[in-house]
Amino acid sequence: MSALIFGSSWCSACPEELLQISGLYSKWKEQGVEVVFVSLDTDAEVFKKFVDRFPFISISDYKKWESPAVKNYHIFETPTIFLLDKNRKIILRPNDAKQLDSWIDFYLIKGNQ
């Protein structure tokens, strides 16, 4: 299972959400959940400085809204969060880190891995 987050350094709500996710990351990682942050940033230095504080995988192709990943997932706002099962099928599009945490707990407790 994995959490996929789309966001950027220029998104006003992203830093708070990503810090909350950072706080939950070790708990999720112990349960086999990986977090991948896909940034819409266009400047490599800004991106690196922004994600330096996060413990999870962070990537950017510096194409902003033109990124194939952004287009494939139909992203039109940031942050956008998805919970994916082990086959990368979208299970949920939670509103925030708190809802994501609740669903990860529910999904793992129910044994739906």
PDB file of N, CA and C in Angstrom:
ATOM      1  N   MET A   1       0.847  -1.167   0.000  1.00  0.00           N
ATOM      2  CA  MET A   1       0.000   0.000   0.000  1.00  0.00           C
ATOM      3  C   MET A   1       0.894   1.232   0.000  1.00  0.00           C
ATOM      4  N   SER A   2       0.401   2.289  -0.617  1.00  0.00           N
ATOM      5  CA  SER A   2       1.170   3.523  -0.632  1.00  0.00           C
ATOM      6  C   SER A   2       0.242   4.731  -0.627  1.00  0.00           C
ATOM      7  N   ALA A   3       0.807   5.826  -0.167  1.00  0.00           N
ATOM      8  CA  ALA A   3       0.127   7.113  -0.203  1.00  0.00           C
ATOM      9  C   ALA A   3       0.848   7.948  -1.249  1.00  0.00           C
ATOM     10  N   LEU A   4       0.090   8.515  -2.156  1.00  0.00           N
ATOM     11  CA  LEU A   4       0.628   9.339  -3.226  1.00  0.00           C
ATOM     12  C   LEU A   4       0.100  10.749  -3.025  1.00  0.00           C
ATOM     13  N   ILE A   5       1.014  11.697  -2.876  1.00  0.00           N
ATOM     14  CA  ILE A   5       0.636  13.079  -2.604  1.00  0.00           C
ATOM     15  C   ILE A   5       1.187  13.975  -3.702  1.00  0.00           C
ATOM     16  N   PHE A   6       0.317  14.775  -4.284  1.00  0.00           N
ATOM     17  CA  PHE A   6       0.715  15.784  -5.262  1.00  0.00           C
ATOM     18  C   PHE A   6       0.656  17.139  -4.585  1.00  0.00           C
ATOM     19  N   GLY A   7       1.712  17.928  -4.734  1.00  0.00           N
ATOM     20  CA  GLY A   7       1.758  19.244  -4.106  1.00  0.00           C
ATOM     21  C   GLY A   7       2.947  20.028  -4.618  1.00  0.00           C
ATOM     22  N   SER A   8       3.284  21.100  -3.903  1.00  0.00           N
ATOM     23  CA  SER A   8       4.417  21.934  -4.318  1.00  0.00           C
ATOM     24  C   SER A   8       4.812  22.880  -3.195  1.00  0.00           C
ATOM     25  N   SER A   9       5.952  23.516  -3.380  1.00  0.00           N
ATOM     26  CA  SER A   9       6.422  24.498  -2.402  1.00  0.00           C
ATOM     27  C   SER A   9       5.556  25.752  -2.420  1.00  0.00           C
ATOM     28  N   TRP A  10       4.936  26.059  -3.548  1.00  0.00           N
ATOM     29  CA  TRP A  10       4.131  27.268  -3.678  1.00  0.00           C
ATOM     30  C   TRP A  10       2.669  27.067  -3.269  1.00  0.00           C
ATOM     31  N   CYS A  11       2.298  25.857  -2.939  1.00  0.00           N
ATOM     32  CA  CYS A  11       0.938  25.544  -2.483  1.00  0.00           C
ATOM     33  C   CYS A  11       0.812  25.973  -1.021  1.00  0.00           C
ATOM     34  N   SER A  12      -0.167  26.808  -0.709  1.00  0.00           N
ATOM     35  CA  SER A  12      -0.290  27.337   0.653  1.00  0.00           C
ATOM     36  C   SER A  12      -0.636  26.271   1.690  1.00  0.00           C
ATOM     37  N   ALA A  13      -1.370  25.241   1.309  1.00  0.00           N
ATOM     38  CA  ALA A  13      -1.777  24.204   2.264  1.00  0.00           C
ATOM     39  C   ALA A  13      -0.798  23.031   2.334  1.00  0.00           C
ATOM     40  N   CYS A  14       0.090  22.909   1.366  1.00  0.00           N
ATOM     41  CA  CYS A  14       0.970  21.736   1.287  1.00  0.00           C
ATOM     42  C   CYS A  14       1.950  21.593   2.457  1.00  0.00           C
ATOM     43  N   PRO A  15       2.637  22.650   2.882  1.00  0.00           N
ATOM     44  CA  PRO A  15       3.595  22.446   3.971  1.00  0.00           C
ATOM     45  C   PRO A  15       2.965  21.838   5.226  1.00  0.00           C
ATOM     46  N   GLU A  16       1.798  22.315   5.607  1.00  0.00           N
ATOM     47  CA  GLU A  16       1.142  21.784   6.807  1.00  0.00           C
ATOM     48  C   GLU A  16       0.752  20.317   6.619  1.00  0.00           C
ATOM     49  N   GLU A  17       0.168  19.981   5.476  1.00  0.00           N
ATOM     50  CA  GLU A  17      -0.220  18.592   5.217  1.00  0.00           C
ATOM     51  C   GLU A  17       0.999  17.673   5.190  1.00  0.00           C
ATOM     52  N   LEU A  18       2.046  18.119   4.526  1.00  0.00           N
ATOM     53  CA  LEU A  18       3.246  17.288   4.420  1.00  0.00           C
ATOM     54  C   LEU A  18       3.945  17.124   5.766  1.00  0.00           C
ATOM     55  N   LEU A  19       3.899  18.135   6.609  1.00  0.00           N
ATOM     56  CA  LEU A  19       4.464  17.997   7.958  1.00  0.00           C
ATOM     57  C   LEU A  19       3.646  17.002   8.786  1.00  0.00           C
ATOM     58  N   GLN A  20       2.325  17.026   8.632  1.00  0.00           N
ATOM     59  CA  GLN A  20       1.489  16.040   9.330  1.00  0.00           C
ATOM     60  C   GLN A  20       1.798  14.629   8.832  1.00  0.00           C
ATOM     61  N   ILE A  21       1.938  14.489   7.533  1.00  0.00           N
ATOM     62  CA  ILE A  21       2.268  13.185   6.957  1.00  0.00           C
ATOM     63  C   ILE A  21       3.649  12.740   7.432  1.00  0.00           C
ATOM     64  N   SER A  22       4.591  13.669   7.521  1.00  0.00           N
ATOM     65  CA  SER A  22       5.928  13.336   8.040  1.00  0.00           C
ATOM     66  C   SER A  22       5.843  12.772   9.447  1.00  0.00           C
ATOM     67  N   GLY A  23       4.975  13.341  10.262  1.00  0.00           N
ATOM     68  CA  GLY A  23       4.800  12.868  11.632  1.00  0.00           C
ATOM     69  C   GLY A  23       4.204  11.477  11.717  1.00  0.00           C
ATOM     70  N   LEU A  24       3.455  11.082  10.708  1.00  0.00           N
ATOM     71  CA  LEU A  24       2.815   9.761  10.680  1.00  0.00           C
ATOM     72  C   LEU A  24       3.632   8.733   9.900  1.00  0.00           C
ATOM     73  N   TYR A  25       4.626   9.202   9.196  1.00  0.00           N
ATOM     74  CA  TYR A  25       5.364   8.355   8.261  1.00  0.00           C
ATOM     75  C   TYR A  25       5.978   7.116   8.918  1.00  0.00           C
ATOM     76  N   SER A  26       6.627   7.266  10.045  1.00  0.00           N
ATOM     77  CA  SER A  26       7.292   6.106  10.660  1.00  0.00           C
ATOM     78  C   SER A  26       6.270   5.040  11.061  1.00  0.00           C
ATOM     79  N   LYS A  27       5.118   5.456  11.545  1.00  0.00           N
ATOM     80  CA  LYS A  27       4.045   4.508  11.896  1.00  0.00           C
ATOM     81  C   LYS A  27       3.575   3.770  10.647  1.00  0.00           C
ATOM     82  N   TRP A  28       3.363   4.514   9.578  1.00  0.00           N
ATOM     83  CA  TRP A  28       2.896   3.887   8.335  1.00  0.00           C
ATOM     84  C   TRP A  28       3.959   2.973   7.748  1.00  0.00           C
ATOM     85  N   LYS A  29       5.200   3.411   7.775  1.00  0.00           N
ATOM     86  CA  LYS A  29       6.304   2.629   7.207  1.00  0.00           C
ATOM     87  C   LYS A  29       6.417   1.276   7.915  1.00  0.00           C
ATOM     88  N   GLU A  30       6.247   1.277   9.241  1.00  0.00           N
ATOM     89  CA  GLU A  30       6.281   0.031  10.010  1.00  0.00           C
ATOM     90  C   GLU A  30       5.166  -0.920   9.578  1.00  0.00           C
ATOM     91  N   GLN A  31       4.081  -0.372   9.062  1.00  0.00           N
ATOM     92  CA  GLN A  31       2.948  -1.179   8.605  1.00  0.00           C
ATOM     93  C   GLN A  31       3.044  -1.504   7.113  1.00  0.00           C
ATOM     94  N   GLY A  32       4.173  -1.131   6.488  1.00  0.00           N
ATOM     95  CA  GLY A  32       4.386  -1.456   5.086  1.00  0.00           C
ATOM     96  C   GLY A  32       3.813  -0.444   4.106  1.00  0.00           C
ATOM     97  N   VAL A  33       3.509   0.752   4.580  1.00  0.00           N
ATOM     98  CA  VAL A  33       2.949   1.794   3.719  1.00  0.00           C
ATOM     99  C   VAL A  33       4.059   2.778   3.344  1.00  0.00           C
ATOM    100  N   GLU A  34       4.246   2.966   2.051  1.00  0.00           N
ATOM    101  CA  GLU A  34       5.234   3.934   1.572  1.00  0.00           C
ATOM    102  C   GLU A  34       4.517   5.215   1.171  1.00  0.00           C
ATOM    103  N   VAL A  35       5.201   6.326   1.317  1.00  0.00           N
ATOM    104  CA  VAL A  35       4.682   7.631   0.924  1.00  0.00           C
ATOM    105  C   VAL A  35       5.545   8.163  -0.206  1.00  0.00           C
ATOM    106  N   VAL A  36       4.878   8.638  -1.251  1.00  0.00           N
ATOM    107  CA  VAL A  36       5.574   9.245  -2.385  1.00  0.00           C
ATOM    108  C   VAL A  36       4.952  10.624  -2.623  1.00  0.00           C
ATOM    109  N   PHE A  37       5.800  11.628  -2.558  1.00  0.00           N
ATOM    110  CA  PHE A  37       5.372  12.998  -2.818  1.00  0.00           C
ATOM    111  C   PHE A  37       5.807  13.376  -4.221  1.00  0.00           C
ATOM    112  N   VAL A  38       4.847  13.787  -5.044  1.00  0.00           N
ATOM    113  CA  VAL A  38       5.119  14.234  -6.407  1.00  0.00           C
ATOM    114  C   VAL A  38       4.935  15.743  -6.425  1.00  0.00           C
ATOM    115  N   SER A  39       6.031  16.446  -6.630  1.00  0.00           N
ATOM    116  CA  SER A  39       6.011  17.902  -6.585  1.00  0.00           C
ATOM    117  C   SER A  39       5.752  18.497  -7.962  1.00  0.00           C
ATOM    118  N   LEU A  40       4.979  19.572  -7.979  1.00  0.00           N
ATOM    119  CA  LEU A  40       4.732  20.319  -9.202  1.00  0.00           C
ATOM    120  C   LEU A  40       5.691  21.498  -9.336  1.00  0.00           C
ATOM    121  N   ASP A  41       6.707  21.529  -8.503  1.00  0.00           N
ATOM    122  CA  ASP A  41       7.692  22.600  -8.585  1.00  0.00           C
ATOM    123  C   ASP A  41       8.419  22.571  -9.924  1.00  0.00           C
ATOM    124  N   THR A  42       8.914  23.729 -10.342  1.00  0.00           N
ATOM    125  CA  THR A  42       9.628  23.833 -11.612  1.00  0.00           C
ATOM    126  C   THR A  42      11.106  24.173 -11.437  1.00  0.00           C
ATOM    127  N   ASP A  43      11.519  24.506 -10.230  1.00  0.00           N
ATOM    128  CA  ASP A  43      12.898  24.883  -9.963  1.00  0.00           C
ATOM    129  C   ASP A  43      13.540  23.823  -9.064  1.00  0.00           C
ATOM    130  N   ALA A  44      14.632  23.235  -9.523  1.00  0.00           N
ATOM    131  CA  ALA A  44      15.282  22.143  -8.792  1.00  0.00           C
ATOM    132  C   ALA A  44      15.761  22.568  -7.410  1.00  0.00           C
ATOM    133  N   GLU A  45      16.341  23.739  -7.283  1.00  0.00           N
ATOM    134  CA  GLU A  45      16.837  24.198  -5.979  1.00  0.00           C
ATOM    135  C   GLU A  45      15.696  24.428  -4.997  1.00  0.00           C
ATOM    136  N   VAL A  46      14.622  25.039  -5.450  1.00  0.00           N
ATOM    137  CA  VAL A  46      13.453  25.281  -4.599  1.00  0.00           C
ATOM    138  C   VAL A  46      12.857  23.946  -4.147  1.00  0.00           C
ATOM    139  N   PHE A  47      12.743  23.011  -5.091  1.00  0.00           N
ATOM    140  CA  PHE A  47      12.225  21.686  -4.778  1.00  0.00           C
ATOM    141  C   PHE A  47      13.087  20.996  -3.723  1.00  0.00           C
ATOM    142  N   LYS A  48      14.381  20.956  -3.936  1.00  0.00           N
ATOM    143  CA  LYS A  48      15.289  20.279  -2.996  1.00  0.00           C
ATOM    144  C   LYS A  48      15.234  20.899  -1.606  1.00  0.00           C
ATOM    145  N   LYS A  49      15.189  22.198  -1.544  1.00  0.00           N
ATOM    146  CA  LYS A  49      15.110  22.880  -0.246  1.00  0.00           C
ATOM    147  C   LYS A  49      13.785  22.571   0.445  1.00  0.00           C
ATOM    148  N   PHE A  50      12.705  22.532  -0.320  1.00  0.00           N
ATOM    149  CA  PHE A  50      11.381  22.269   0.238  1.00  0.00           C
ATOM    150  C   PHE A  50      11.266  20.850   0.786  1.00  0.00           C
ATOM    151  N   VAL A  51      11.747  19.848   0.049  1.00  0.00           N
ATOM    152  CA  VAL A  51      11.544  18.452   0.450  1.00  0.00           C
ATOM    153  C   VAL A  51      12.631  17.918   1.373  1.00  0.00           C
ATOM    154  N   ASP A  52      13.672  18.693   1.602  1.00  0.00           N
ATOM    155  CA  ASP A  52      14.787  18.243   2.435  1.00  0.00           C
ATOM    156  C   ASP A  52      14.341  17.792   3.824  1.00  0.00           C
ATOM    157  N   ARG A  53      13.283  18.348   4.337  1.00  0.00           N
ATOM    158  CA  ARG A  53      12.823  18.033   5.700  1.00  0.00           C
ATOM    159  C   ARG A  53      11.904  16.820   5.783  1.00  0.00           C
ATOM    160  N   PHE A  54      11.525  16.258   4.637  1.00  0.00           N
ATOM    161  CA  PHE A  54      10.577  15.145   4.637  1.00  0.00           C
ATOM    162  C   PHE A  54      11.293  13.804   4.540  1.00  0.00           C
ATOM    163  N   PRO A  55      10.859  12.800   5.328  1.00  0.00           N
ATOM    164  CA  PRO A  55      11.541  11.506   5.344  1.00  0.00           C
ATOM    165  C   PRO A  55      11.128  10.556   4.222  1.00  0.00           C
ATOM    166  N   PHE A  56      10.109  10.899   3.488  1.00  0.00           N
ATOM    167  CA  PHE A  56       9.577   9.995   2.473  1.00  0.00           C
ATOM    168  C   PHE A  56      10.133  10.332   1.081  1.00  0.00           C
ATOM    169  N   ILE A  57       9.822   9.486   0.120  1.00  0.00           N
ATOM    170  CA  ILE A  57      10.270   9.671  -1.260  1.00  0.00           C
ATOM    171  C   ILE A  57       9.635  10.940  -1.830  1.00  0.00           C
ATOM    172  N   SER A  58      10.456  11.780  -2.428  1.00  0.00           N
ATOM    173  CA  SER A  58       9.974  13.019  -3.047  1.00  0.00           C
ATOM    174  C   SER A  58      10.578  13.135  -4.436  1.00  0.00           C
ATOM    175  N   ILE A  59       9.715  13.374  -5.427  1.00  0.00           N
ATOM    176  CA  ILE A  59      10.178  13.467  -6.803  1.00  0.00           C
ATOM    177  C   ILE A  59       9.539  14.665  -7.502  1.00  0.00           C
ATOM    178  N   SER A  60      10.196  15.119  -8.559  1.00  0.00           N
ATOM    179  CA  SER A  60       9.648  16.169  -9.409  1.00  0.00           C
ATOM    180  C   SER A  60      10.286  16.055 -10.781  1.00  0.00           C
ATOM    181  N   ASP A  61       9.477  16.246 -11.818  1.00  0.00           N
ATOM    182  CA  ASP A  61      10.046  16.316 -13.164  1.00  0.00           C
ATOM    183  C   ASP A  61      10.093  17.768 -13.646  1.00  0.00           C
ATOM    184  N   TYR A  62       9.721  18.683 -12.769  1.00  0.00           N
ATOM    185  CA  TYR A  62       9.810  20.133 -12.992  1.00  0.00           C
ATOM    186  C   TYR A  62       8.925  20.620 -14.147  1.00  0.00           C
ATOM    187  N   LYS A  63       7.845  19.899 -14.407  1.00  0.00           N
ATOM    188  CA  LYS A  63       6.948  20.261 -15.511  1.00  0.00           C
ATOM    189  C   LYS A  63       5.615  20.834 -15.032  1.00  0.00           C
ATOM    190  N   LYS A  64       5.486  21.024 -13.726  1.00  0.00           N
ATOM    191  CA  LYS A  64       4.287  21.614 -13.133  1.00  0.00           C
ATOM    192  C   LYS A  64       3.035  20.885 -13.621  1.00  0.00           C
ATOM    193  N   TRP A  65       2.085  21.596 -14.178  1.00  0.00           N
ATOM    194  CA  TRP A  65       0.812  21.012 -14.613  1.00  0.00           C
ATOM    195  C   TRP A  65       0.951  20.179 -15.880  1.00  0.00           C
ATOM    196  N   GLU A  66       2.092  20.262 -16.546  1.00  0.00           N
ATOM    197  CA  GLU A  66       2.321  19.502 -17.778  1.00  0.00           C
ATOM    198  C   GLU A  66       2.955  18.137 -17.519  1.00  0.00           C
ATOM    199  N   SER A  67       3.213  17.816 -16.270  1.00  0.00           N
ATOM    200  CA  SER A  67       3.813  16.537 -15.921  1.00  0.00           C
ATOM    201  C   SER A  67       2.885  15.386 -16.323  1.00  0.00           C
ATOM    202  N   PRO A  68       3.439  14.331 -16.916  1.00  0.00           N
ATOM    203  CA  PRO A  68       2.605  13.164 -17.245  1.00  0.00           C
ATOM    204  C   PRO A  68       1.888  12.588 -16.017  1.00  0.00           C
ATOM    205  N   ALA A  69       2.556  12.572 -14.863  1.00  0.00           N
ATOM    206  CA  ALA A  69       1.912  12.049 -13.650  1.00  0.00           C
ATOM    207  C   ALA A  69       0.712  12.905 -13.261  1.00  0.00           C
ATOM    208  N   VAL A  70       0.847  14.214 -13.367  1.00  0.00           N
ATOM    209  CA  VAL A  70      -0.252  15.130 -13.047  1.00  0.00           C
ATOM    210  C   VAL A  70      -1.421  14.887 -14.001  1.00  0.00           C
ATOM    211  N   LYS A  71      -1.118  14.705 -15.250  1.00  0.00           N
ATOM    212  CA  LYS A  71      -2.171  14.458 -16.243  1.00  0.00           C
ATOM    213  C   LYS A  71      -2.799  13.077 -16.057  1.00  0.00           C
ATOM    214  N   ASN A  72      -1.975  12.071 -15.792  1.00  0.00           N
ATOM    215  CA  ASN A  72      -2.501  10.708 -15.623  1.00  0.00           C
ATOM    216  C   ASN A  72      -3.433  10.571 -14.427  1.00  0.00           C
ATOM    217  N   TYR A  73      -3.145  11.323 -13.368  1.00  0.00           N
ATOM    218  CA  TYR A  73      -3.986  11.270 -12.172  1.00  0.00           C
ATOM    219  C   TYR A  73      -5.035  12.383 -12.144  1.00  0.00           C
ATOM    220  N   HIS A  74      -5.120  13.163 -13.213  1.00  0.00           N
ATOM    221  CA  HIS A  74      -6.124  14.228 -13.339  1.00  0.00           C
ATOM    222  C   HIS A  74      -6.078  15.204 -12.172  1.00  0.00           C
ATOM    223  N   ILE A  75      -4.875  15.671 -11.847  1.00  0.00           N
ATOM    224  CA  ILE A  75      -4.678  16.602 -10.737  1.00  0.00           C
ATOM    225  C   ILE A  75      -5.037  18.009 -11.195  1.00  0.00           C
ATOM    226  N   PHE A  76      -5.886  18.671 -10.416  1.00  0.00           N
ATOM    227  CA  PHE A  76      -6.265  20.042 -10.741  1.00  0.00           C
ATOM    228  C   PHE A  76      -6.125  20.984  -9.552  1.00  0.00           C
ATOM    229  N   GLU A  77      -5.671  20.427  -8.420  1.00  0.00           N
ATOM    230  CA  GLU A  77      -5.413  21.252  -7.248  1.00  0.00           C
ATOM    231  C   GLU A  77      -4.388  20.545  -6.363  1.00  0.00           C
ATOM    232  N   THR A  78      -3.751  21.339  -5.513  1.00  0.00           N
ATOM    233  CA  THR A  78      -2.805  20.764  -4.563  1.00  0.00           C
ATOM    234  C   THR A  78      -3.150  21.248  -3.167  1.00  0.00           C
ATOM    235  N   PRO A  79      -2.932  20.441  -2.158  1.00  0.00           N
ATOM    236  CA  PRO A  79      -2.472  19.060  -2.255  1.00  0.00           C
ATOM    237  C   PRO A  79      -3.601  18.128  -2.688  1.00  0.00           C
ATOM    238  N   THR A  80      -3.239  17.098  -3.404  1.00  0.00           N
ATOM    239  CA  THR A  80      -4.149  16.006  -3.738  1.00  0.00           C
ATOM    240  C   THR A  80      -3.495  14.731  -3.238  1.00  0.00           C
ATOM    241  N   ILE A  81      -4.267  13.937  -2.516  1.00  0.00           N
ATOM    242  CA  ILE A  81      -3.752  12.732  -1.863  1.00  0.00           C
ATOM    243  C   ILE A  81      -4.526  11.523  -2.369  1.00  0.00           C
ATOM    244  N   PHE A  82      -3.814  10.435  -2.602  1.00  0.00           N
ATOM    245  CA  PHE A  82      -4.439   9.160  -2.947  1.00  0.00           C
ATOM    246  C   PHE A  82      -3.876   8.076  -2.038  1.00  0.00           C
ATOM    247  N   LEU A  83      -4.709   7.112  -1.690  1.00  0.00           N
ATOM    248  CA  LEU A  83      -4.258   5.891  -1.034  1.00  0.00           C
ATOM    249  C   LEU A  83      -4.384   4.789  -2.074  1.00  0.00           C
ATOM    250  N   LEU A  84      -3.258   4.101  -2.331  1.00  0.00           N
ATOM    251  CA  LEU A  84      -3.211   3.060  -3.355  1.00  0.00           C
ATOM    252  C   LEU A  84      -3.009   1.702  -2.705  1.00  0.00           C
ATOM    253  N   ASP A  85      -3.643   0.672  -3.270  1.00  0.00           N
ATOM    254  CA  ASP A  85      -3.407  -0.674  -2.748  1.00  0.00           C
ATOM    255  C   ASP A  85      -2.110  -1.223  -3.333  1.00  0.00           C
ATOM    256  N   LYS A  86      -1.795  -2.476  -3.021  1.00  0.00           N
ATOM    257  CA  LYS A  86      -0.521  -3.053  -3.455  1.00  0.00           C
ATOM    258  C   LYS A  86      -0.423  -3.195  -4.974  1.00  0.00           C
ATOM    259  N   ASN A  87      -1.560  -3.140  -5.663  1.00  0.00           N
ATOM    260  CA  ASN A  87      -1.571  -3.200  -7.125  1.00  0.00           C
ATOM    261  C   ASN A  87      -1.644  -1.803  -7.748  1.00  0.00           C
ATOM    262  N   ARG A  88      -1.473  -0.787  -6.915  1.00  0.00           N
ATOM    263  CA  ARG A  88      -1.509   0.635  -7.311  1.00  0.00           C
ATOM    264  C   ARG A  88      -2.890   1.084  -7.777  1.00  0.00           C
ATOM    265  N   LYS A  89      -3.905   0.386  -7.337  1.00  0.00           N
ATOM    266  CA  LYS A  89      -5.287   0.788  -7.596  1.00  0.00           C
ATOM    267  C   LYS A  89      -5.688   1.816  -6.543  1.00  0.00           C
ATOM    268  N   ILE A  90      -6.350   2.869  -6.961  1.00  0.00           N
ATOM    269  CA  ILE A  90      -6.778   3.909  -6.028  1.00  0.00           C
ATOM    270  C   ILE A  90      -7.878   3.352  -5.129  1.00  0.00           C
ATOM    271  N   ILE A  91      -7.625   3.388  -3.824  1.00  0.00           N
ATOM    272  CA  ILE A  91      -8.587   2.969  -2.824  1.00  0.00           C
ATOM    273  C   ILE A  91      -9.418   4.161  -2.361  1.00  0.00           C
ATOM    274  N   LEU A  92      -8.734   5.304  -2.218  1.00  0.00           N
ATOM    275  CA  LEU A  92      -9.364   6.460  -1.600  1.00  0.00           C
ATOM    276  C   LEU A  92      -8.658   7.730  -2.035  1.00  0.00           C
ATOM    277  N   ARG A  93      -9.417   8.812  -2.084  1.00  0.00           N
ATOM    278  CA  ARG A  93      -8.836  10.141  -2.259  1.00  0.00           C
ATOM    279  C   ARG A  93      -9.229  10.950  -1.022  1.00  0.00           C
ATOM    280  N   PRO A  94      -8.418  10.794   0.052  1.00  0.00           N
ATOM    281  CA  PRO A  94      -8.749  11.487   1.308  1.00  0.00           C
ATOM    282  C   PRO A  94      -8.580  12.995   1.196  1.00  0.00           C
ATOM    283  N   ASN A  95      -9.292  13.697   2.068  1.00  0.00           N
ATOM    284  CA  ASN A  95      -9.223  15.153   2.091  1.00  0.00           C
ATOM    285  C   ASN A  95      -7.966  15.685   2.744  1.00  0.00           C
ATOM    286  N   ASP A  96      -7.405  14.919   3.680  1.00  0.00           N
ATOM    287  CA  ASP A  96      -6.250  15.407   4.428  1.00  0.00           C
ATOM    288  C   ASP A  96      -5.504  14.246   5.075  1.00  0.00           C
ATOM    289  N   ALA A  97      -4.419  14.570   5.756  1.00  0.00           N
ATOM    290  CA  ALA A  97      -3.568  13.559   6.400  1.00  0.00           C
ATOM    291  C   ALA A  97      -4.314  12.802   7.492  1.00  0.00           C
ATOM    292  N   LYS A  98      -5.171  13.479   8.221  1.00  0.00           N
ATOM    293  CA  LYS A  98      -5.932  12.833   9.299  1.00  0.00           C
ATOM    294  C   LYS A  98      -6.853  11.752   8.732  1.00  0.00           C
ATOM    295  N   GLN A  99      -7.554  12.071   7.669  1.00  0.00           N
ATOM    296  CA  GLN A  99      -8.432  11.088   7.045  1.00  0.00           C
ATOM    297  C   GLN A  99      -7.614   9.948   6.441  1.00  0.00           C
ATOM    298  N   LEU A 100      -6.486  10.267   5.844  1.00  0.00           N
ATOM    299  CA  LEU A 100      -5.602   9.241   5.298  1.00  0.00           C
ATOM    300  C   LEU A 100      -5.144   8.287   6.395  1.00  0.00           C
ATOM    301  N   ASP A 101      -4.748   8.817   7.537  1.00  0.00           N
ATOM    302  CA  ASP A 101      -4.308   7.996   8.659  1.00  0.00           C
ATOM    303  C   ASP A 101      -5.420   7.067   9.128  1.00  0.00           C
ATOM    304  N   SER A 102      -6.617   7.570   9.239  1.00  0.00           N
ATOM    305  CA  SER A 102      -7.760   6.749   9.662  1.00  0.00           C
ATOM    306  C   SER A 102      -8.013   5.609   8.690  1.00  0.00           C
ATOM    307  N   TRP A 103      -7.934   5.895   7.403  1.00  0.00           N
ATOM    308  CA  TRP A 103      -8.176   4.871   6.401  1.00  0.00           C
ATOM    309  C   TRP A 103      -7.049   3.848   6.349  1.00  0.00           C
ATOM    310  N   ILE A 104      -5.827   4.273   6.534  1.00  0.00           N
ATOM    311  CA  ILE A 104      -4.717   3.313   6.572  1.00  0.00           C
ATOM    312  C   ILE A 104      -4.927   2.365   7.743  1.00  0.00           C
ATOM    313  N   ASP A 105      -5.252   2.914   8.904  1.00  0.00           N
ATOM    314  CA  ASP A 105      -5.512   2.060  10.072  1.00  0.00           C
ATOM    315  C   ASP A 105      -6.667   1.105   9.795  1.00  0.00           C
ATOM    316  N   PHE A 106      -7.773   1.607   9.262  1.00  0.00           N
ATOM    317  CA  PHE A 106      -8.947   0.786   8.971  1.00  0.00           C
ATOM    318  C   PHE A 106      -8.604  -0.313   7.963  1.00  0.00           C
ATOM    319  N   TYR A 107      -7.943   0.076   6.903  1.00  0.00           N
ATOM    320  CA  TYR A 107      -7.630  -0.871   5.842  1.00  0.00           C
ATOM    321  C   TYR A 107      -6.719  -1.994   6.337  1.00  0.00           C
ATOM    322  N   LEU A 108      -5.710  -1.640   7.124  1.00  0.00           N
ATOM    323  CA  LEU A 108      -4.785  -2.654   7.624  1.00  0.00           C
ATOM    324  C   LEU A 108      -5.424  -3.521   8.701  1.00  0.00           C
ATOM    325  N   ILE A 109      -6.223  -2.904   9.563  1.00  0.00           N
ATOM    326  CA  ILE A 109      -6.912  -3.672  10.620  1.00  0.00           C
ATOM    327  C   ILE A 109      -7.857  -4.682   9.998  1.00  0.00           C
ATOM    328  N   LYS A 110      -8.535  -4.287   8.952  1.00  0.00           N
ATOM    329  CA  LYS A 110      -9.481  -5.188   8.291  1.00  0.00           C
ATOM    330  C   LYS A 110      -8.778  -6.280   7.488  1.00  0.00           C
ATOM    331  N   GLY A 111      -7.466  -6.171   7.334  1.00  0.00           N
ATOM    332  CA  GLY A 111      -6.714  -7.192   6.621  1.00  0.00           C
ATOM    333  C   GLY A 111      -6.906  -7.150   5.116  1.00  0.00           C
ATOM    334  N   ASN A 112      -7.192  -5.983   4.609  1.00  0.00           N
ATOM    335  CA  ASN A 112      -7.436  -5.844   3.171  1.00  0.00           C
ATOM    336  C   ASN A 112      -6.185  -5.576   2.373  1.00  0.00           C
ATOM    337  N   GLN A 113      -5.056  -5.817   2.964  1.00  0.00           N
ATOM    338  CA  GLN A 113      -3.801  -5.501   2.298  1.00  0.00           C
ATOM    339  C   GLN A 113      -3.746  -6.188   0.967  1.00  0.00           C
TER     340      GLN A 113
END
